[in-house]
């Protein structure tokens, strides 16, 4: 994946139960087959101490 955007990331977060934390999002992405660059993107761009209420919340944070 050359350029990662929040819309592309969302397909790997399918099935996540909100609210959730960063680690839950990363674990879900891994379970859904996200490539390493998407996992790295999530690890680098999601804050450690935030709880996410929805997919829109995640997208807004990543934008």
C-alpha atoms as a PDB file:
ATOM      1  CA  UNK A   1       0.000   0.000   0.000  1.00  0.00           C
ATOM      2  CA  UNK A   2       1.702   3.183  -1.137  1.00  0.00           C
ATOM      3  CA  UNK A   3      -0.337   5.711   0.794  1.00  0.00           C
ATOM      4  CA  UNK A   4      -2.516   4.847   3.740  1.00  0.00           C
ATOM      5  CA  UNK A   5      -5.666   6.806   4.499  1.00  0.00           C
ATOM      6  CA  UNK A   6      -8.324   6.375   7.188  1.00  0.00           C
ATOM      7  CA  UNK A   7     -10.894   4.983   4.742  1.00  0.00           C
ATOM      8  CA  UNK A   8      -8.529   2.174   3.747  1.00  0.00           C
ATOM      9  CA  UNK A   9      -7.769   1.452   7.399  1.00  0.00           C
ATOM     10  CA  UNK A  10     -11.468   1.078   8.270  1.00  0.00           C
ATOM     11  CA  UNK A  11     -11.828  -2.108   6.226  1.00  0.00           C
ATOM     12  CA  UNK A  12      -9.377  -3.796   8.592  1.00  0.00           C
ATOM     13  CA  UNK A  13     -11.320  -2.628  11.653  1.00  0.00           C
ATOM     14  CA  UNK A  14     -14.517  -4.429  10.690  1.00  0.00           C
ATOM     15  CA  UNK A  15     -16.196  -6.069  13.657  1.00  0.00           C
ATOM     16  CA  UNK A  16     -14.504  -4.045  16.385  1.00  0.00           C
ATOM     17  CA  UNK A  17     -16.724  -3.358  19.403  1.00  0.00           C
ATOM     18  CA  UNK A  18     -16.778   0.315  20.342  1.00  0.00           C
ATOM     19  CA  UNK A  19     -15.836   1.939  22.613  1.00  0.00           C
ATOM     20  CA  UNK A  20     -12.322   0.520  22.471  1.00  0.00           C
ATOM     21  CA  UNK A  21      -8.684   1.428  22.919  1.00  0.00           C
ATOM     22  CA  UNK A  22      -5.688   1.553  20.594  1.00  0.00           C
ATOM     23  CA  UNK A  23      -4.581  -2.020  21.317  1.00  0.00           C
ATOM     24  CA  UNK A  24      -8.031  -3.397  20.531  1.00  0.00           C
ATOM     25  CA  UNK A  25      -7.984  -1.605  17.178  1.00  0.00           C
ATOM     26  CA  UNK A  26      -4.524  -2.970  16.367  1.00  0.00           C
ATOM     27  CA  UNK A  27      -5.504  -6.499  17.417  1.00  0.00           C
ATOM     28  CA  UNK A  28      -8.665  -6.334  15.288  1.00  0.00           C
ATOM     29  CA  UNK A  29      -6.715  -5.084  12.279  1.00  0.00           C
ATOM     30  CA  UNK A  30      -4.273  -7.988  12.657  1.00  0.00           C
ATOM     31  CA  UNK A  31      -7.150 -10.492  12.938  1.00  0.00           C
ATOM     32  CA  UNK A  32      -8.664  -9.023   9.757  1.00  0.00           C
ATOM     33  CA  UNK A  33      -5.438  -9.512   7.797  1.00  0.00           C
ATOM     34  CA  UNK A  34      -4.076  -5.969   7.757  1.00  0.00           C
ATOM     35  CA  UNK A  35      -0.644  -5.746   6.145  1.00  0.00           C
ATOM     36  CA  UNK A  36       2.324  -4.673   8.285  1.00  0.00           C
ATOM     37  CA  UNK A  37       2.289  -1.108   6.926  1.00  0.00           C
ATOM     38  CA  UNK A  38      -1.294  -0.616   8.155  1.00  0.00           C
ATOM     39  CA  UNK A  39      -0.385  -2.005  11.590  1.00  0.00           C
ATOM     40  CA  UNK A  40       2.614   0.329  11.752  1.00  0.00           C
ATOM     41  CA  UNK A  41       0.401   3.244  10.698  1.00  0.00           C
ATOM     42  CA  UNK A  42      -2.045   2.521  13.518  1.00  0.00           C
ATOM     43  CA  UNK A  43       0.751   2.089  16.066  1.00  0.00           C
ATOM     44  CA  UNK A  44       2.332   5.401  15.080  1.00  0.00           C
ATOM     45  CA  UNK A  45      -0.797   7.510  14.618  1.00  0.00           C
ATOM     46  CA  UNK A  46      -3.235   6.458  17.338  1.00  0.00           C
ATOM     47  CA  UNK A  47      -2.714   7.948  20.810  1.00  0.00           C
ATOM     48  CA  UNK A  48      -2.073   5.424  23.579  1.00  0.00           C
ATOM     49  CA  UNK A  49      -4.382   7.000  26.132  1.00  0.00           C
ATOM     50  CA  UNK A  50      -7.532   7.602  24.093  1.00  0.00           C
ATOM     51  CA  UNK A  51     -10.759   5.612  24.002  1.00  0.00           C
ATOM     52  CA  UNK A  52     -12.462   5.556  20.615  1.00  0.00           C
ATOM     53  CA  UNK A  53     -16.263   5.751  20.548  1.00  0.00           C
ATOM     54  CA  UNK A  54     -16.869   4.926  16.850  1.00  0.00           C
ATOM     55  CA  UNK A  55     -15.307   4.316  13.455  1.00  0.00           C
ATOM     56  CA  UNK A  56     -15.795   8.028  12.752  1.00  0.00           C
ATOM     57  CA  UNK A  57     -13.815   8.824  15.903  1.00  0.00           C
ATOM     58  CA  UNK A  58     -10.926   6.665  14.655  1.00  0.00           C
ATOM     59  CA  UNK A  59     -11.043   8.259  11.196  1.00  0.00           C
ATOM     60  CA  UNK A  60     -11.049  11.763  12.679  1.00  0.00           C
ATOM     61  CA  UNK A  61      -8.011  10.912  14.792  1.00  0.00           C
ATOM     62  CA  UNK A  62      -6.145   9.514  11.787  1.00  0.00           C
ATOM     63  CA  UNK A  63      -7.027  12.414   9.467  1.00  0.00           C
END
